[in-house]
Amino acid sequence: MAAQIAYTNENIDILTGVNLPILLEAAAVKEQLTLAQLIENLRKVATDSRQNFRSVLTKRQDEVDEEEDLL
């Protein structure tokens, strides 16, 4: 149903896999961007908002280690 509506209206697009960070970003910037810009921005937010806990922890520890090396 949504695809049919989007297909017949160029001012509508569909973004799947929406999570809370994406919804918050969309609500904050929807009036400031064109539809194409909004979709591209939300794709970036989607990529940035998905992170692996261990990767973030390791990155943060590396930053702390670098700071300690500078002292």
Protein backbone atom coordinates (compact mmCIF):
# COMPACT_ATOMS: atom_id res chain seq x y z
CA MET A 1 0.00 0.00 0.00
CA ALA A 2 2.72 2.51 0.96
CA ALA A 3 4.65 1.66 -2.20
CA GLN A 4 1.59 2.39 -4.33
CA ILE A 5 1.16 5.80 -2.72
CA ALA A 6 4.87 6.65 -3.07
CA TYR A 7 4.90 5.44 -6.68
CA THR A 8 2.14 7.83 -7.69
CA ASN A 9 3.40 10.85 -5.71
CA GLU A 10 6.94 12.17 -6.21
CA ASN A 11 6.74 14.07 -2.90
CA ILE A 12 6.62 10.81 -0.94
CA ASP A 13 9.42 8.32 -0.37
CA ILE A 14 9.78 5.25 1.84
CA LEU A 15 12.62 4.62 4.25
CA THR A 16 12.68 1.20 5.87
CA GLY A 17 14.37 0.10 9.08
CA VAL A 18 13.49 3.28 10.95
CA ASN A 19 14.67 3.59 14.56
CA LEU A 20 14.36 6.29 17.21
CA PRO A 21 17.43 8.34 16.15
CA ILE A 22 16.08 8.44 12.59
CA LEU A 23 12.62 9.54 13.72
CA LEU A 24 14.04 12.28 15.93
CA GLU A 25 16.28 13.55 13.14
CA ALA A 26 13.40 13.53 10.64
CA ALA A 27 11.18 15.50 13.01
CA ALA A 28 13.94 18.04 13.65
CA VAL A 29 14.90 18.79 10.04
CA LYS A 30 11.91 17.88 7.86
CA GLU A 31 10.96 21.51 7.17
CA GLN A 32 14.52 22.55 6.30
CA LEU A 33 15.40 20.00 3.60
CA THR A 34 14.04 18.79 0.31
CA LEU A 35 12.77 15.22 0.23
CA ALA A 36 15.97 14.01 -1.47
CA GLN A 37 18.14 15.82 1.08
CA LEU A 38 16.05 14.46 3.96
CA ILE A 39 16.34 10.86 2.75
CA GLU A 40 20.11 11.20 2.29
CA ASN A 41 20.48 12.78 5.74
CA LEU A 42 18.40 10.02 7.34
CA ARG A 43 20.49 7.33 5.64
CA LYS A 44 23.58 8.87 7.22
CA VAL A 45 21.90 9.03 10.62
CA ALA A 46 20.90 5.38 10.26
CA THR A 47 24.50 4.39 9.55
CA ASP A 48 25.88 6.55 12.35
CA SER A 49 23.32 5.40 14.92
CA ARG A 50 24.13 1.70 14.54
CA GLN A 51 27.24 0.90 16.47
CA ASN A 52 28.72 -2.15 18.05
CA PHE A 53 29.29 -1.85 21.79
CA ARG A 54 32.74 -3.47 21.71
CA SER A 55 33.88 -1.24 18.86
CA VAL A 56 32.81 1.90 20.69
CA LEU A 57 34.42 0.69 23.91
CA THR A 58 37.69 -0.13 22.13
CA LYS A 59 37.72 3.24 20.35
CA ARG A 60 37.12 5.09 23.62
CA GLN A 61 39.87 3.12 25.36
CA ASP A 62 42.27 3.94 22.52
CA GLU A 63 41.45 7.64 22.95
CA VAL A 64 42.10 7.42 26.70
CA ASP A 65 45.40 5.62 26.07
CA GLU A 66 46.50 8.32 23.60
CA GLU A 67 45.63 11.05 26.10
CA GLU A 68 47.66 9.28 28.79
CA ASP A 69 50.62 8.96 26.41
CA LEU A 70 50.57 12.73 25.90
CA LEU A 71 50.89 13.40 29.62
